[in-house]
Structure formats: structure tokens, C-alpha cells
Amino acid sequence: MMNVRNVTLTLGAGEAKVDILKGIDLEVRHGETVALLGASGSGKSSLMAVLAGLERATGGVIETGGADFGQLDEDGLARARRGRIGIILQAFHLLPTMTALENVAVPLELAGVEGAFDRAREELARVGLAARTGHYPAQLSGGEQQRVAIARALAPRPEIIFADEPTGNLDARTGVQAMDLLFARQAETGATLFIITHDPALAARCGRVVEMQDGRIVSDHAGGVR
């Protein structure tokens, strides 16, 4: 699914130069659940951005599903992501002027998916929001907004899902419920799941835990039981 070799990321130049990623090597198989665990500033979110094609690596090789991200221009990266990579962020990033249904369906429509609203309705039902499809984000709780974000990420049936600090804006109980849902949907779809977190308890729910420190991978080991 993913082969990463000696990936580096450097920002700035001269005295302002900062090495963010320092020679990352990582192989991920289809269907794995992987936690990128580390403290703030360890480089885990930057690694996610590079793996997802949102940020260009300074050096190294990133091959995803046979596509070499380093050889693609911006349009090529956008095409490589479309329908294949789903992203869930801490801040939800729902459009406030769109209903839950529209937040899930409109990206599908823009990607040319037929029956976008029917698929969006089905995905919202799967995350327990069948009765909330006509509500706007301001009318939803934080947990419900995260469920919409999960539905939006999964609706295109992506091969890879990235979740960056997905419980960061939720209380402990709601965070656990959201992650229960995400793991259940991942198991149903068979997608590869990356969870970026600083929480060891959440990381342990993944089959594999990759620990980062100061831009490097310092540990790669099996996780715990969900």
C-alpha cells in the first residue's frame, strides 16, 4: 500500500532552516491500522501531510498504491488523493452553511460520483445520523460533527484514511465513542487507517504503533487490543 524511503522535510532557509522530518523509512500494508504517536512538535502531523500528498517532501521516495508522489505535479497529487485518501481533522472543518447531508454529498458531486446524495445519506446512517441529515453544523454536538467528518472521509470509499488528533476537540467519553465508530467502519471497509495522536491509550487500539521523536521514527511495534 505504501512504501516510504529516507523521506526528509526541511522548511525555511539559511539561519531559519528547520529540519522537520529526518530520514523516515516506513512500509504499510493494505488494511493495517497504524498510530503515529508522539508529542507536539515530534513531526507526526508533518509526516501525515507528506504521506497524504498535502505537503511535498524535500527528499526521499513516497510510493502509494504504485504512484510516486515525488514525480507528480499539484494536479497529479490531487488526482492521486481523490477517492483514494480520506482525511479527518481535529477541527472537523465542516462548511457552516451546508447541512450534514450537503457536507458529505457535495465533495462527492465535485469528484463526479454518481448518486452522491444517496451515498451521503447511506454513510450518515451508518454513523448513526440518519435523523440529523438536515441539520447544520451549529445545530450538532461536537461528537455529531465528528461523525459527519468521518462519514465525509469514508463516503468516497478511500483506500487510506488519515485521522489527525481526531479526539482533540471532544470530551473523553465522546472521543471514545467516535473512535469506536471509526474503527468499526475501518473494519467494514478494509481501508488502511493512520491515526495521528499524542495519546498512548488511543495509539494502543491500533494494530501497530509508530513512535516519533524530533522528526525521526524511534519505535515501531505492535499495538494493543481494541
Protein backbone atom coordinates (compact mmCIF):
# COMPACT_ATOMS: atom_id res chain seq x y z
CA MET A 1 0.00 0.00 0.00
CA MET A 2 2.71 2.50 0.98
CA ASN A 3 6.49 2.49 0.75
CA VAL A 4 8.43 5.41 2.26
CA ARG A 5 12.21 5.60 1.96
CA ASN A 6 14.54 8.20 3.51
CA VAL A 7 11.91 10.96 3.46
CA THR A 8 13.01 14.38 4.65
CA LEU A 9 11.18 17.67 5.08
CA THR A 10 13.01 20.96 5.55
CA LEU A 11 11.33 24.34 5.93
CA GLY A 12 12.95 27.75 5.63
CA ALA A 13 16.46 28.55 4.50
CA GLY A 14 19.73 29.81 5.91
CA GLU A 15 19.60 30.52 9.63
CA ALA A 16 15.84 29.97 9.57
CA LYS A 17 16.21 26.45 8.16
CA VAL A 18 14.41 23.79 10.21
CA ASP A 19 14.61 20.04 9.59
CA ILE A 20 11.13 18.68 10.32
CA LEU A 21 11.48 15.08 9.07
CA LYS A 22 14.91 13.45 9.20
CA GLY A 23 15.08 10.32 7.08
CA ILE A 24 11.78 8.46 7.52
CA ASP A 25 11.53 4.82 6.40
CA LEU A 26 8.12 3.16 6.62
CA GLU A 27 6.23 0.34 4.91
CA VAL A 28 2.50 -0.09 5.39
CA ARG A 29 0.34 -2.97 4.16
CA HIS A 30 -3.22 -2.72 2.95
CA GLY A 31 -5.77 -2.83 5.79
CA GLU A 32 -3.35 -2.05 8.61
CA THR A 33 -4.31 0.25 11.48
CA VAL A 34 -1.31 2.39 12.34
CA ALA A 35 -0.88 5.00 15.07
CA LEU A 36 1.68 7.76 14.61
CA LEU A 37 2.40 8.57 18.26
CA GLY A 38 4.45 11.47 19.53
CA ALA A 39 4.49 14.69 21.48
CA SER A 40 3.64 18.02 19.92
CA GLY A 41 6.47 19.02 17.58
CA SER A 42 7.68 15.46 17.02
CA GLY A 43 6.84 15.64 13.31
CA LYS A 44 3.87 13.30 13.20
CA SER A 45 1.40 15.75 11.61
CA SER A 46 4.06 16.81 9.10
CA LEU A 47 4.63 13.16 8.20
CA MET A 48 0.89 12.72 7.71
CA ALA A 49 0.79 15.75 5.42
CA VAL A 50 3.63 14.33 3.33
CA LEU A 51 2.11 10.83 3.19
CA ALA A 52 -1.26 12.26 2.15
CA GLY A 53 0.26 14.40 -0.59
CA LEU A 54 -0.70 17.65 1.12
CA GLU A 55 2.93 18.66 1.62
CA ARG A 56 5.88 17.94 -0.65
CA ALA A 57 8.80 16.12 0.90
CA THR A 58 12.20 17.74 0.48
CA GLY A 59 13.80 14.41 -0.31
CA GLY A 60 13.22 10.68 -0.39
CA VAL A 61 10.60 8.45 -2.04
CA ILE A 62 6.89 8.09 -1.24
CA GLU A 63 5.07 5.40 -3.22
CA THR A 64 1.37 4.94 -2.57
CA GLY A 65 -0.55 2.31 -4.48
CA GLY A 66 2.12 2.35 -7.18
CA ALA A 67 2.10 6.16 -7.56
CA ASP A 68 5.34 8.03 -6.85
CA PHE A 69 4.23 11.24 -5.10
CA GLY A 70 7.59 12.86 -5.73
CA GLN A 71 7.08 12.68 -9.50
CA LEU A 72 3.58 14.20 -9.54
CA ASP A 73 2.70 17.87 -10.01
CA GLU A 74 -0.04 19.51 -7.92
CA ASP A 75 -2.80 18.37 -10.28
CA GLY A 76 -1.37 14.86 -10.25
CA LEU A 77 -1.29 14.80 -6.46
CA ALA A 78 -4.90 16.00 -6.33
CA ARG A 79 -5.93 13.20 -8.70
CA ALA A 80 -3.97 10.65 -6.67
CA ARG A 81 -5.75 11.73 -3.48
CA ARG A 82 -9.24 11.95 -4.96
CA GLY A 83 -11.33 9.00 -3.88
CA ARG A 84 -8.30 7.14 -2.53
CA ILE A 85 -7.35 9.15 0.56
CA GLY A 86 -9.78 10.31 3.25
CA ILE A 87 -8.73 12.83 5.89
CA ILE A 88 -10.33 13.53 9.29
CA LEU A 89 -9.06 16.57 11.19
CA GLN A 90 -9.31 17.67 14.80
CA ALA A 91 -11.29 20.81 13.92
CA PHE A 92 -13.88 18.92 11.79
CA HIS A 93 -13.77 21.59 9.01
CA LEU A 94 -17.46 21.27 8.13
CA LEU A 95 -18.91 24.05 6.00
CA PRO A 96 -21.26 26.00 8.29
CA THR A 97 -23.69 26.98 5.52
CA MET A 98 -24.26 23.37 4.45
CA THR A 99 -26.32 20.68 6.16
CA ALA A 100 -24.75 17.45 7.32
CA LEU A 101 -26.01 15.79 4.15
CA GLU A 102 -24.56 18.51 1.92
CA ASN A 103 -21.21 18.43 3.74
CA VAL A 104 -20.88 14.75 2.80
CA ALA A 105 -22.55 14.83 -0.63
CA VAL A 106 -21.08 17.95 -2.23
CA PRO A 107 -17.45 16.72 -2.22
CA LEU A 108 -18.71 13.52 -3.85
CA GLU A 109 -20.54 15.54 -6.50
CA LEU A 110 -17.44 17.61 -7.20
CA ALA A 111 -15.49 14.37 -7.65
CA GLY A 112 -18.05 13.18 -10.20
CA VAL A 113 -19.54 10.39 -8.08
CA GLU A 114 -22.98 9.31 -9.30
CA GLY A 115 -25.77 9.24 -6.73
CA ALA A 116 -23.76 11.45 -4.40
CA PHE A 117 -26.68 12.37 -2.14
CA ASP A 118 -27.88 8.77 -1.87
CA ARG A 119 -24.39 7.62 -0.88
CA ALA A 120 -24.06 10.50 1.59
CA ARG A 121 -27.40 9.58 3.17
CA GLU A 122 -26.28 5.96 3.48
CA GLU A 123 -22.96 6.93 5.06
CA LEU A 124 -24.60 9.27 7.58
CA ALA A 125 -26.99 6.47 8.52
CA ARG A 126 -24.02 4.18 9.10
CA VAL A 127 -22.61 6.65 11.64
CA GLY A 128 -25.96 7.00 13.41
CA LEU A 129 -27.06 10.34 11.94
CA ALA A 130 -29.97 9.31 9.75
CA ALA A 131 -32.23 11.69 11.67
CA ARG A 132 -29.77 14.61 11.54
CA THR A 133 -29.05 14.90 7.81
CA GLY A 134 -30.86 18.26 7.51
CA HIS A 135 -29.09 19.88 10.46
CA TYR A 136 -26.32 22.45 10.10
CA PRO A 137 -23.00 22.07 11.99
CA ALA A 138 -24.03 24.70 14.57
CA GLN A 139 -27.05 22.54 15.39
CA LEU A 140 -24.90 19.46 16.04
CA SER A 141 -22.84 18.49 19.08
CA GLY A 142 -19.08 18.09 18.79
CA GLY A 143 -19.44 14.32 18.64
CA GLU A 144 -22.07 14.57 15.91
CA GLN A 145 -19.88 16.94 13.91
CA GLN A 146 -17.02 14.43 14.15
CA ARG A 147 -19.39 11.71 12.93
CA VAL A 148 -20.22 13.87 9.90
CA ALA A 149 -16.49 14.33 9.30
CA ILE A 150 -16.00 10.55 9.49
CA ALA A 151 -18.87 10.00 7.05
CA ARG A 152 -17.42 12.59 4.68
CA ALA A 153 -13.99 10.93 4.76
CA LEU A 154 -15.38 7.44 4.22
CA ALA A 155 -18.08 8.19 1.65
CA PRO A 156 -15.68 8.08 -1.34
CA ARG A 157 -14.62 4.56 -0.17
CA PRO A 158 -10.94 5.53 0.19
CA GLU A 159 -8.12 3.03 0.42
CA ILE A 160 -6.34 5.09 3.08
CA ILE A 161 -7.80 7.15 5.96
CA PHE A 162 -5.77 9.70 7.91
CA ALA A 163 -7.17 10.95 11.23
CA ASP A 164 -5.13 13.79 12.78
CA GLU A 165 -5.80 14.11 16.54
CA PRO A 166 -9.42 13.08 15.90
CA THR A 167 -10.44 13.28 19.57
CA GLY A 168 -8.66 16.57 20.31
CA ASN A 169 -11.86 18.65 20.44
CA LEU A 170 -14.01 16.03 22.17
CA ASP A 171 -14.52 15.09 25.80
CA ALA A 172 -13.18 11.69 26.85
CA ARG A 173 -16.46 9.77 26.57
CA THR A 174 -17.42 11.27 23.20
CA GLY A 175 -13.88 10.71 21.93
CA VAL A 176 -14.06 7.01 22.75
CA GLN A 177 -17.44 6.73 21.01
CA ALA A 178 -16.10 8.46 17.89
CA MET A 179 -13.09 6.14 17.78
CA ASP A 180 -15.28 3.07 18.31
CA LEU A 181 -17.21 4.20 15.26
CA LEU A 182 -14.09 4.89 13.18
CA PHE A 183 -12.54 1.50 13.96
CA ALA A 184 -15.83 -0.24 13.19
CA ARG A 185 -16.15 1.50 9.82
CA GLN A 186 -12.50 0.76 9.03
CA ALA A 187 -13.10 -2.92 9.75
CA GLU A 188 -16.13 -2.90 7.45
CA THR A 189 -14.35 -1.20 4.56
CA GLY A 190 -10.89 -2.75 4.93
CA ALA A 191 -9.21 0.61 4.44
CA THR A 192 -5.75 1.36 5.80
CA LEU A 193 -6.08 3.65 8.82
CA PHE A 194 -3.50 6.11 10.16
CA ILE A 195 -4.30 7.83 13.46
CA ILE A 196 -2.02 10.72 14.44
CA THR A 197 -2.13 11.17 18.20
CA HIS A 198 -0.21 12.07 21.36
CA ASP A 199 -2.47 9.73 23.39
CA PRO A 200 -0.85 6.33 24.14
CA ALA A 201 -4.23 4.79 25.04
CA LEU A 202 -5.69 5.68 21.63
CA ALA A 203 -2.50 4.56 19.87
CA ALA A 204 -2.67 1.19 21.61
CA ARG A 205 -6.02 0.49 19.93
CA CYS A 206 -4.22 0.26 16.58
CA GLY A 207 -2.56 -2.90 15.37
CA ARG A 208 0.73 -1.07 15.03
CA VAL A 209 2.27 1.90 16.86
CA VAL A 210 4.94 4.03 15.19
CA GLU A 211 6.51 6.42 17.70
CA MET A 212 8.12 9.67 16.55
CA GLN A 213 10.53 11.98 18.31
CA ASP A 214 12.36 15.00 16.91
CA GLY A 215 11.48 14.18 13.29
CA ARG A 216 12.55 10.55 13.46
CA ILE A 217 10.87 7.19 13.99
CA VAL A 218 12.21 5.83 17.27
CA SER A 219 9.97 2.78 17.67
CA ASP A 220 7.71 0.60 15.51
CA HIS A 221 5.85 -2.11 17.38
CA ALA A 222 2.54 -3.95 17.71
CA GLY A 223 -0.34 -2.16 19.40
CA GLY A 224 -2.78 -3.46 21.96
CA VAL A 225 -6.34 -4.72 21.95
CA ARG A 226 -9.22 -2.52 20.78
